[in-house]
Amino acid sequence: MRTLLVRSLHRLGTYRWFAVVASSWAPRADMWLHRRTSGRRMLLSALFPVRVVTTTGRRSGLPRRTPLLTVDEPGGPGCYVVGSNFGMDRPPAWALNLMSDGRATVEYDGVDVPVTAELLTGQARDRAWQRMAAVWPPYRAYAAHTAREFPLFRLSPAAA
């Protein structure tokens, strides 16, 4: 049943209308459920590796919490996130915040872990992109909908 649901979501995710609709309600629904369950649940966390990433607003200076699909770095303690913004023409605010500051936190099992963001380029980006697209194949459809290259970050635990 789980596999069928994941495949169905992968297929739905390739449709432009789904991306437009999901971009408006999915992050809000995730954060609503996250708050209501004291950080134990999010909408799709049972199916996909979704974590809350907190950046600092580049204009406001306020913390900005965003649920993001993350993919763990192979053999390392970090993870990857991609600023696809569901294939929209503008990068998401959280990605711009990371480009501005480079520091964030990632919530692991209710604990916020400080991380440092590295914007990936070249072969490192290509490898990470393949890993991200394997978990969420609609990323490829999102990329086809826009001319911009999605920022892809490695989030590594910050040195103490």
C-alpha atoms as a PDB file:
ATOM      1  CA  MET A   1       0.000   0.000   0.000  1.00  0.00           C
ATOM      2  CA  ARG A   2       2.807   2.400   0.944  1.00  0.00           C
ATOM      3  CA  THR A   3       4.603   1.766  -2.359  1.00  0.00           C
ATOM      4  CA  LEU A   4       1.422   2.441  -4.317  1.00  0.00           C
ATOM      5  CA  LEU A   5       0.895   5.708  -2.462  1.00  0.00           C
ATOM      6  CA  VAL A   6       4.501   6.826  -3.056  1.00  0.00           C
ATOM      7  CA  ARG A   7       4.260   5.982  -6.773  1.00  0.00           C
ATOM      8  CA  SER A   8       0.956   7.843  -7.031  1.00  0.00           C
ATOM      9  CA  LEU A   9       2.458  10.920  -5.391  1.00  0.00           C
ATOM     10  CA  HIS A  10       5.481  10.711  -7.707  1.00  0.00           C
ATOM     11  CA  ARG A  11       3.139  10.670 -10.698  1.00  0.00           C
ATOM     12  CA  LEU A  12       0.946  13.507  -9.357  1.00  0.00           C
ATOM     13  CA  GLY A  13       4.062  15.531  -8.595  1.00  0.00           C
ATOM     14  CA  THR A  14       4.990  15.697 -12.271  1.00  0.00           C
ATOM     15  CA  TYR A  15       1.856  17.659 -13.152  1.00  0.00           C
ATOM     16  CA  ARG A  16       2.225  21.435 -13.164  1.00  0.00           C
ATOM     17  CA  TRP A  17      -1.205  21.972 -11.574  1.00  0.00           C
ATOM     18  CA  PHE A  18      -0.206  19.725  -8.659  1.00  0.00           C
ATOM     19  CA  ALA A  19       2.981  21.707  -8.056  1.00  0.00           C
ATOM     20  CA  VAL A  20       1.055  24.986  -8.067  1.00  0.00           C
ATOM     21  CA  VAL A  21      -1.577  23.672  -5.658  1.00  0.00           C
ATOM     22  CA  ALA A  22       0.898  21.836  -3.409  1.00  0.00           C
ATOM     23  CA  SER A  23       3.201  24.857  -3.157  1.00  0.00           C
ATOM     24  CA  SER A  24       0.435  26.827  -1.476  1.00  0.00           C
ATOM     25  CA  TRP A  25      -0.947  24.267   0.977  1.00  0.00           C
ATOM     26  CA  ALA A  26       1.685  21.583   1.665  1.00  0.00           C
ATOM     27  CA  PRO A  27       4.178  23.653   3.721  1.00  0.00           C
ATOM     28  CA  ARG A  28       1.361  25.202   5.777  1.00  0.00           C
ATOM     29  CA  ALA A  29      -0.293  21.830   6.358  1.00  0.00           C
ATOM     30  CA  ASP A  30       3.047  20.313   7.367  1.00  0.00           C
ATOM     31  CA  MET A  31       3.796  23.067   9.872  1.00  0.00           C
ATOM     32  CA  TRP A  32       0.235  22.999  11.258  1.00  0.00           C
ATOM     33  CA  LEU A  33       0.455  19.246  11.868  1.00  0.00           C
ATOM     34  CA  HIS A  34       4.009  19.603  13.196  1.00  0.00           C
ATOM     35  CA  ARG A  35       2.818  22.122  15.812  1.00  0.00           C
ATOM     36  CA  ARG A  36      -0.285  20.085  16.738  1.00  0.00           C
ATOM     37  CA  THR A  37       1.749  16.914  17.314  1.00  0.00           C
ATOM     38  CA  SER A  38       4.574  18.625  19.232  1.00  0.00           C
ATOM     39  CA  GLY A  39       6.970  18.011  16.352  1.00  0.00           C
ATOM     40  CA  ARG A  40       6.237  14.288  15.979  1.00  0.00           C
ATOM     41  CA  ARG A  41       4.428  14.329  12.612  1.00  0.00           C
ATOM     42  CA  MET A  42       4.197  16.095   9.313  1.00  0.00           C
ATOM     43  CA  LEU A  43       1.924  15.440   6.375  1.00  0.00           C
ATOM     44  CA  LEU A  44       4.255  13.286   4.286  1.00  0.00           C
ATOM     45  CA  SER A  45       6.937  12.378   6.820  1.00  0.00           C
ATOM     46  CA  ALA A  46       5.736   8.763   6.918  1.00  0.00           C
ATOM     47  CA  LEU A  47       6.493   8.451   3.190  1.00  0.00           C
ATOM     48  CA  PHE A  48       9.400  10.815   2.580  1.00  0.00           C
ATOM     49  CA  PRO A  49      12.347  12.155   4.614  1.00  0.00           C
ATOM     50  CA  VAL A  50      10.830  15.522   5.567  1.00  0.00           C
ATOM     51  CA  ARG A  51      12.531  17.649   8.229  1.00  0.00           C
ATOM     52  CA  VAL A  52      12.036  21.180   9.482  1.00  0.00           C
ATOM     53  CA  VAL A  53      14.862  23.496   8.477  1.00  0.00           C
ATOM     54  CA  THR A  54      15.139  26.849  10.243  1.00  0.00           C
ATOM     55  CA  THR A  55      16.917  29.697   8.478  1.00  0.00           C
ATOM     56  CA  THR A  56      17.293  33.353   9.435  1.00  0.00           C
ATOM     57  CA  GLY A  57      15.248  35.757   7.333  1.00  0.00           C
ATOM     58  CA  ARG A  58      17.677  37.826   5.277  1.00  0.00           C
ATOM     59  CA  ARG A  59      15.502  40.942   5.607  1.00  0.00           C
ATOM     60  CA  SER A  60      13.727  40.427   8.926  1.00  0.00           C
ATOM     61  CA  GLY A  61      16.423  38.604  10.877  1.00  0.00           C
ATOM     62  CA  LEU A  62      13.676  36.359  12.271  1.00  0.00           C
ATOM     63  CA  PRO A  63      13.774  32.562  12.349  1.00  0.00           C
ATOM     64  CA  ARG A  64      11.932  30.973   9.414  1.00  0.00           C
ATOM     65  CA  ARG A  65      10.893  27.325   9.818  1.00  0.00           C
ATOM     66  CA  THR A  66      10.243  25.383   6.629  1.00  0.00           C
ATOM     67  CA  PRO A  67       9.432  21.701   6.132  1.00  0.00           C
ATOM     68  CA  LEU A  68      11.747  20.340   3.438  1.00  0.00           C
ATOM     69  CA  LEU A  69      12.400  17.023   1.791  1.00  0.00           C
ATOM     70  CA  THR A  70      15.912  16.058   2.851  1.00  0.00           C
ATOM     71  CA  VAL A  71      18.173  13.277   1.635  1.00  0.00           C
ATOM     72  CA  ASP A  72      20.913  12.051   3.939  1.00  0.00           C
ATOM     73  CA  GLU A  73      24.464  12.401   2.718  1.00  0.00           C
ATOM     74  CA  PRO A  74      25.970   8.958   2.052  1.00  0.00           C
ATOM     75  CA  GLY A  75      28.478   8.058   4.747  1.00  0.00           C
ATOM     76  CA  GLY A  76      28.161  11.418   6.423  1.00  0.00           C
ATOM     77  CA  PRO A  77      26.208  13.178   9.089  1.00  0.00           C
ATOM     78  CA  GLY A  78      24.799  15.843   6.750  1.00  0.00           C
ATOM     79  CA  CYS A  79      21.872  16.007   4.364  1.00  0.00           C
ATOM     80  CA  TYR A  80      20.926  17.616   1.067  1.00  0.00           C
ATOM     81  CA  VAL A  81      18.091  20.024   0.268  1.00  0.00           C
ATOM     82  CA  VAL A  82      17.128  21.517  -3.092  1.00  0.00           C
ATOM     83  CA  GLY A  83      15.531  24.918  -3.683  1.00  0.00           C
ATOM     84  CA  SER A  84      13.096  23.773  -6.350  1.00  0.00           C
ATOM     85  CA  ASN A  85      10.138  25.830  -5.114  1.00  0.00           C
ATOM     86  CA  PHE A  86       7.936  23.299  -6.947  1.00  0.00           C
ATOM     87  CA  GLY A  87       9.446  24.435 -10.268  1.00  0.00           C
ATOM     88  CA  MET A  88       8.399  28.065  -9.896  1.00  0.00           C
ATOM     89  CA  ASP A  89      10.494  30.744 -11.592  1.00  0.00           C
ATOM     90  CA  ARG A  90      11.747  32.169  -8.279  1.00  0.00           C
ATOM     91  CA  PRO A  91      13.866  30.355  -5.720  1.00  0.00           C
ATOM     92  CA  PRO A  92      12.209  29.768  -2.349  1.00  0.00           C
ATOM     93  CA  ALA A  93      12.835  32.278   0.441  1.00  0.00           C
ATOM     94  CA  TRP A  94      14.583  29.679   2.601  1.00  0.00           C
ATOM     95  CA  ALA A  95      17.181  29.077  -0.162  1.00  0.00           C
ATOM     96  CA  LEU A  96      17.836  32.819  -0.475  1.00  0.00           C
ATOM     97  CA  ASN A  97      18.206  32.953   3.313  1.00  0.00           C
ATOM     98  CA  LEU A  98      20.798  30.149   3.186  1.00  0.00           C
ATOM     99  CA  MET A  99      22.691  31.901   0.391  1.00  0.00           C
ATOM    100  CA  SER A 100      22.722  35.067   2.496  1.00  0.00           C
ATOM    101  CA  ASP A 101      23.701  33.560   5.853  1.00  0.00           C
ATOM    102  CA  GLY A 102      24.790  29.928   5.412  1.00  0.00           C
ATOM    103  CA  ARG A 103      23.758  28.919   8.914  1.00  0.00           C
ATOM    104  CA  ALA A 104      20.597  27.058   9.849  1.00  0.00           C
ATOM    105  CA  THR A 105      19.228  24.281  12.020  1.00  0.00           C
ATOM    106  CA  VAL A 106      17.752  20.948  10.980  1.00  0.00           C
ATOM    107  CA  GLU A 107      15.310  19.210  13.291  1.00  0.00           C
ATOM    108  CA  TYR A 108      16.201  15.579  13.961  1.00  0.00           C
ATOM    109  CA  ASP A 109      13.714  13.768  16.214  1.00  0.00           C
ATOM    110  CA  GLY A 110      12.621  16.990  17.903  1.00  0.00           C
ATOM    111  CA  VAL A 111      16.143  18.358  18.398  1.00  0.00           C
ATOM    112  CA  ASP A 112      17.378  21.340  16.376  1.00  0.00           C
ATOM    113  CA  VAL A 113      20.920  20.616  15.163  1.00  0.00           C
ATOM    114  CA  PRO A 114      22.975  23.627  14.009  1.00  0.00           C
ATOM    115  CA  VAL A 115      24.213  23.182  10.441  1.00  0.00           C
ATOM    116  CA  THR A 116      26.314  25.014   7.898  1.00  0.00           C
ATOM    117  CA  ALA A 117      25.042  25.217   4.331  1.00  0.00           C
ATOM    118  CA  GLU A 118      27.289  24.676   1.343  1.00  0.00           C
ATOM    119  CA  LEU A 119      25.919  25.575  -2.095  1.00  0.00           C
ATOM    120  CA  LEU A 120      26.967  22.679  -4.307  1.00  0.00           C
ATOM    121  CA  THR A 121      28.378  23.047  -7.806  1.00  0.00           C
ATOM    122  CA  GLY A 122      29.919  20.814 -10.448  1.00  0.00           C
ATOM    123  CA  GLN A 123      30.176  17.090  -9.863  1.00  0.00           C
ATOM    124  CA  ALA A 124      29.184  17.327  -6.199  1.00  0.00           C
ATOM    125  CA  ARG A 125      25.950  19.008  -7.253  1.00  0.00           C
ATOM    126  CA  ASP A 126      25.336  16.441 -10.010  1.00  0.00           C
ATOM    127  CA  ARG A 127      25.756  13.547  -7.558  1.00  0.00           C
ATOM    128  CA  ALA A 128      23.493  15.173  -4.973  1.00  0.00           C
ATOM    129  CA  TRP A 129      20.908  15.994  -7.661  1.00  0.00           C
ATOM    130  CA  GLN A 130      20.743  12.334  -8.689  1.00  0.00           C
ATOM    131  CA  ARG A 131      20.178  11.315  -5.054  1.00  0.00           C
ATOM    132  CA  MET A 132      17.459  13.958  -4.582  1.00  0.00           C
ATOM    133  CA  ALA A 133      15.689  13.023  -7.830  1.00  0.00           C
ATOM    134  CA  ALA A 134      15.768   9.337  -6.873  1.00  0.00           C
ATOM    135  CA  VAL A 135      13.782  10.137  -3.721  1.00  0.00           C
ATOM    136  CA  TRP A 136      11.434  12.644  -5.430  1.00  0.00           C
ATOM    137  CA  PRO A 137      11.434  12.092  -9.234  1.00  0.00           C
ATOM    138  CA  PRO A 138       9.144  15.114  -9.840  1.00  0.00           C
ATOM    139  CA  TYR A 139      12.224  17.306  -9.260  1.00  0.00           C
ATOM    140  CA  ARG A 140      13.115  16.515 -12.876  1.00  0.00           C
ATOM    141  CA  ALA A 141       9.668  17.706 -14.037  1.00  0.00           C
ATOM    142  CA  TYR A 142      10.054  20.856 -11.924  1.00  0.00           C
ATOM    143  CA  ALA A 143      13.415  21.557 -13.604  1.00  0.00           C
ATOM    144  CA  ALA A 144      11.757  21.234 -17.023  1.00  0.00           C
ATOM    145  CA  HIS A 145       9.229  23.932 -16.075  1.00  0.00           C
ATOM    146  CA  THR A 146      11.800  26.666 -15.463  1.00  0.00           C
ATOM    147  CA  ALA A 147      15.040  27.980 -16.929  1.00  0.00           C
ATOM    148  CA  ARG A 148      16.707  28.509 -13.555  1.00  0.00           C
ATOM    149  CA  GLU A 149      19.078  26.024 -11.974  1.00  0.00           C
ATOM    150  CA  PHE A 150      17.834  24.978  -8.560  1.00  0.00           C
ATOM    151  CA  PRO A 151      20.204  25.751  -5.702  1.00  0.00           C
ATOM    152  CA  LEU A 152      21.257  22.511  -4.035  1.00  0.00           C
ATOM    153  CA  PHE A 153      22.792  22.592  -0.566  1.00  0.00           C
ATOM    154  CA  ARG A 154      24.696  20.215   1.655  1.00  0.00           C
ATOM    155  CA  LEU A 155      23.737  20.877   5.271  1.00  0.00           C
ATOM    156  CA  SER A 156      26.548  19.683   7.547  1.00  0.00           C
ATOM    157  CA  PRO A 157      26.558  19.785  11.342  1.00  0.00           C
ATOM    158  CA  ALA A 158      28.273  22.981  12.462  1.00  0.00           C
ATOM    159  CA  ALA A 159      31.599  22.681  14.229  1.00  0.00           C
ATOM    160  CA  ALA A 160      31.240  23.088  17.975  1.00  0.00           C
END
